């Protein structure tokens, strides 16, 4: 299981909370993805997976270095 550092700020925490997603949900999916690809619009990485409560979500992020990423957004999505 990979481990990554996430650089959170209050704005992104509040933004993903509007979609019912916590930082813990985001980090879990990024570290346990079902799949990872790139977004069509920005080319950022997007991880798809299940939270510990079984919700399927998408997490978009940008790499700073090999171990550190900045969360961009996250949202529920159909499987």
N, C-alpha and C. Protein backbone atom coordinates (compact mmCIF):
# COMPACT_ATOMS: atom_id res chain seq x y z
N UNK A 1 0.84 -1.18 0.00
CA UNK A 1 0.00 0.00 0.00
C UNK A 1 0.88 1.24 0.00
N UNK A 2 0.73 2.11 -0.97
CA UNK A 2 1.52 3.35 -1.01
C UNK A 2 1.03 4.33 0.06
N UNK A 3 1.93 5.18 0.49
CA UNK A 3 1.57 6.24 1.42
C UNK A 3 2.01 7.56 0.81
N UNK A 4 1.10 8.52 0.80
CA UNK A 4 1.40 9.84 0.27
C UNK A 4 1.03 10.90 1.29
N UNK A 5 1.80 11.97 1.29
CA UNK A 5 1.47 13.13 2.10
C UNK A 5 0.53 14.01 1.30
N UNK A 6 -0.55 14.45 1.92
CA UNK A 6 -1.50 15.35 1.27
C UNK A 6 -1.39 16.73 1.89
N UNK A 7 -1.22 17.73 1.06
CA UNK A 7 -1.15 19.11 1.54
C UNK A 7 -2.55 19.71 1.53
N UNK A 8 -3.18 19.65 2.69
CA UNK A 8 -4.54 20.17 2.84
C UNK A 8 -4.52 21.64 3.21
N UNK A 9 -5.57 22.34 2.82
CA UNK A 9 -5.83 23.68 3.34
C UNK A 9 -7.33 23.77 3.63
N UNK A 10 -7.74 24.77 4.34
CA UNK A 10 -9.14 24.90 4.73
C UNK A 10 -10.08 24.99 3.54
N UNK A 11 -9.66 25.64 2.48
CA UNK A 11 -10.52 25.80 1.31
C UNK A 11 -10.85 24.46 0.66
N UNK A 12 -9.85 23.61 0.46
CA UNK A 12 -10.11 22.34 -0.19
C UNK A 12 -10.88 21.40 0.73
N UNK A 13 -10.63 21.45 2.03
CA UNK A 13 -11.40 20.63 2.97
C UNK A 13 -12.87 21.02 2.91
N UNK A 14 -13.13 22.32 2.90
CA UNK A 14 -14.51 22.81 2.81
C UNK A 14 -15.14 22.45 1.46
N UNK A 15 -14.36 22.55 0.40
CA UNK A 15 -14.87 22.26 -0.95
C UNK A 15 -15.29 20.80 -1.09
N UNK A 16 -14.45 19.86 -0.66
CA UNK A 16 -14.83 18.45 -0.81
C UNK A 16 -15.94 18.08 0.18
N UNK A 17 -16.02 18.78 1.30
CA UNK A 17 -17.10 18.53 2.26
C UNK A 17 -18.46 18.84 1.64
N UNK A 18 -18.50 19.78 0.71
CA UNK A 18 -19.75 20.10 0.02
C UNK A 18 -20.25 18.90 -0.78
N UNK A 19 -19.36 17.98 -1.11
CA UNK A 19 -19.71 16.75 -1.83
C UNK A 19 -19.84 15.57 -0.88
N UNK A 20 -19.79 15.85 0.43
CA UNK A 20 -19.95 14.80 1.43
C UNK A 20 -18.71 13.94 1.62
N UNK A 21 -17.55 14.48 1.30
CA UNK A 21 -16.30 13.71 1.37
C UNK A 21 -15.35 14.36 2.37
N UNK A 22 -14.75 13.53 3.19
CA UNK A 22 -13.81 14.00 4.21
C UNK A 22 -12.37 13.82 3.71
N UNK A 23 -11.42 14.51 4.34
CA UNK A 23 -10.02 14.28 3.99
C UNK A 23 -9.62 12.81 4.18
N UNK A 24 -10.17 12.17 5.19
CA UNK A 24 -9.86 10.75 5.42
C UNK A 24 -10.35 9.88 4.27
N UNK A 25 -11.56 10.18 3.75
CA UNK A 25 -12.09 9.46 2.59
C UNK A 25 -11.15 9.64 1.39
N UNK A 26 -10.77 10.87 1.14
CA UNK A 26 -9.90 11.19 0.02
C UNK A 26 -8.59 10.42 0.13
N UNK A 27 -7.94 10.51 1.27
CA UNK A 27 -6.64 9.86 1.46
C UNK A 27 -6.75 8.35 1.32
N UNK A 28 -7.83 7.77 1.83
CA UNK A 28 -8.01 6.33 1.75
C UNK A 28 -8.12 5.88 0.28
N UNK A 29 -8.92 6.58 -0.50
CA UNK A 29 -9.11 6.21 -1.90
C UNK A 29 -7.82 6.40 -2.69
N UNK A 30 -7.10 7.49 -2.47
CA UNK A 30 -5.85 7.72 -3.19
C UNK A 30 -4.82 6.63 -2.84
N UNK A 31 -4.85 6.14 -1.62
CA UNK A 31 -3.89 5.12 -1.21
C UNK A 31 -4.38 3.70 -1.47
N UNK A 32 -5.66 3.53 -1.80
CA UNK A 32 -6.25 2.21 -2.11
C UNK A 32 -7.15 2.30 -3.34
N UNK A 33 -6.64 2.82 -4.46
CA UNK A 33 -7.52 3.04 -5.62
C UNK A 33 -7.93 1.74 -6.31
N UNK A 34 -9.13 1.78 -6.89
CA UNK A 34 -9.56 0.71 -7.78
C UNK A 34 -8.94 0.95 -9.16
N UNK A 35 -8.80 2.23 -9.52
CA UNK A 35 -8.14 2.59 -10.77
C UNK A 35 -7.64 4.03 -10.67
N UNK A 36 -6.66 4.35 -11.52
CA UNK A 36 -6.09 5.70 -11.58
C UNK A 36 -5.92 6.04 -13.05
N UNK A 37 -6.30 7.26 -13.40
CA UNK A 37 -6.09 7.72 -14.77
C UNK A 37 -5.83 9.22 -14.74
N UNK A 38 -5.90 9.85 -15.89
CA UNK A 38 -5.73 11.30 -16.00
C UNK A 38 -7.05 11.92 -16.42
N UNK A 39 -7.33 13.11 -15.91
CA UNK A 39 -8.55 13.80 -16.32
C UNK A 39 -8.40 14.29 -17.75
N UNK A 40 -9.50 14.32 -18.47
CA UNK A 40 -9.47 14.79 -19.86
C UNK A 40 -9.20 16.28 -19.95
N UNK A 41 -9.76 17.03 -19.03
CA UNK A 41 -9.68 18.48 -19.11
C UNK A 41 -8.31 19.04 -18.71
N UNK A 42 -7.78 18.59 -17.56
CA UNK A 42 -6.55 19.19 -17.04
C UNK A 42 -5.34 18.27 -17.09
N UNK A 43 -5.54 16.98 -17.29
CA UNK A 43 -4.43 16.04 -17.28
C UNK A 43 -3.96 15.67 -15.88
N UNK A 44 -4.69 16.13 -14.87
CA UNK A 44 -4.34 15.76 -13.50
C UNK A 44 -4.73 14.31 -13.24
N UNK A 45 -4.08 13.72 -12.24
CA UNK A 45 -4.42 12.34 -11.89
C UNK A 45 -5.77 12.30 -11.18
N UNK A 46 -6.48 11.21 -11.42
CA UNK A 46 -7.76 10.99 -10.77
C UNK A 46 -7.82 9.53 -10.32
N UNK A 47 -8.08 9.34 -9.04
CA UNK A 47 -8.18 8.00 -8.47
C UNK A 47 -9.65 7.71 -8.20
N UNK A 48 -10.06 6.50 -8.54
CA UNK A 48 -11.42 6.04 -8.28
C UNK A 48 -11.35 4.91 -7.27
N UNK A 49 -12.27 4.92 -6.31
CA UNK A 49 -12.27 3.83 -5.35
C UNK A 49 -13.34 3.98 -4.31
N UNK A 50 -13.32 3.02 -3.39
CA UNK A 50 -14.32 2.96 -2.32
C UNK A 50 -13.76 3.51 -1.02
N UNK A 51 -14.58 4.29 -0.34
CA UNK A 51 -14.24 4.75 1.01
C UNK A 51 -14.45 3.59 1.97
N UNK A 52 -14.06 3.77 3.21
CA UNK A 52 -14.26 2.72 4.22
C UNK A 52 -15.73 2.43 4.47
N UNK A 53 -16.60 3.39 4.15
CA UNK A 53 -18.04 3.16 4.33
C UNK A 53 -18.70 2.63 3.07
N UNK A 54 -17.91 2.37 2.02
CA UNK A 54 -18.43 1.75 0.82
C UNK A 54 -18.91 2.69 -0.27
N UNK A 55 -18.70 3.99 -0.11
CA UNK A 55 -19.07 4.94 -1.16
C UNK A 55 -18.01 4.95 -2.25
N UNK A 56 -18.43 5.01 -3.51
CA UNK A 56 -17.50 5.06 -4.63
C UNK A 56 -17.29 6.52 -5.00
N UNK A 57 -16.04 6.98 -4.97
CA UNK A 57 -15.74 8.39 -5.22
C UNK A 57 -14.57 8.53 -6.19
N UNK A 58 -14.45 9.72 -6.72
CA UNK A 58 -13.33 10.11 -7.57
C UNK A 58 -12.56 11.21 -6.85
N UNK A 59 -11.24 11.10 -6.87
CA UNK A 59 -10.36 12.07 -6.20
C UNK A 59 -9.36 12.61 -7.20
N UNK A 60 -9.38 13.91 -7.41
CA UNK A 60 -8.46 14.56 -8.34
C UNK A 60 -7.37 15.23 -7.53
N UNK A 61 -6.14 15.07 -8.00
CA UNK A 61 -5.00 15.63 -7.27
C UNK A 61 -3.87 15.97 -8.22
N UNK A 62 -2.91 16.73 -7.69
CA UNK A 62 -1.74 17.14 -8.46
C UNK A 62 -0.50 16.80 -7.64
N UNK A 63 0.49 16.22 -8.29
CA UNK A 63 1.73 15.84 -7.61
C UNK A 63 2.64 17.05 -7.40
N UNK A 64 3.26 17.09 -6.22
CA UNK A 64 4.31 18.07 -5.94
C UNK A 64 5.66 17.39 -6.11
N UNK A 65 5.78 16.18 -5.55
CA UNK A 65 6.95 15.35 -5.72
C UNK A 65 6.49 13.89 -5.62
N UNK A 66 7.40 12.94 -5.50
CA UNK A 66 7.04 11.52 -5.52
C UNK A 66 6.19 11.08 -4.34
N UNK A 67 6.20 11.85 -3.26
CA UNK A 67 5.48 11.46 -2.04
C UNK A 67 4.40 12.44 -1.62
N UNK A 68 4.31 13.59 -2.28
CA UNK A 68 3.43 14.65 -1.82
C UNK A 68 2.48 15.07 -2.94
N UNK A 69 1.21 15.20 -2.57
CA UNK A 69 0.22 15.64 -3.54
C UNK A 69 -0.67 16.71 -2.93
N UNK A 70 -1.29 17.48 -3.81
CA UNK A 70 -2.25 18.50 -3.41
C UNK A 70 -3.63 18.03 -3.88
N UNK A 71 -4.55 17.82 -2.95
CA UNK A 71 -5.92 17.48 -3.35
C UNK A 71 -6.55 18.66 -4.11
N UNK A 72 -7.26 18.35 -5.18
CA UNK A 72 -7.92 19.38 -5.97
C UNK A 72 -9.42 19.33 -5.73
N UNK A 73 -10.02 18.16 -5.90
CA UNK A 73 -11.44 17.97 -5.67
C UNK A 73 -11.72 16.49 -5.48
N UNK A 74 -12.92 16.20 -5.02
CA UNK A 74 -13.39 14.83 -4.89
C UNK A 74 -14.90 14.85 -4.94
N UNK A 75 -15.47 13.79 -5.49
CA UNK A 75 -16.93 13.76 -5.65
C UNK A 75 -17.41 12.33 -5.81
N UNK A 76 -18.65 12.07 -5.39
CA UNK A 76 -19.24 10.75 -5.64
C UNK A 76 -19.41 10.56 -7.14
N UNK A 77 -19.27 9.33 -7.58
CA UNK A 77 -19.41 9.03 -9.01
C UNK A 77 -19.95 7.62 -9.17
N UNK A 78 -20.66 7.38 -10.26
CA UNK A 78 -21.11 6.01 -10.50
C UNK A 78 -19.91 5.10 -10.79
N UNK A 79 -20.04 3.85 -10.48
CA UNK A 79 -18.94 2.91 -10.72
C UNK A 79 -18.71 2.69 -12.19
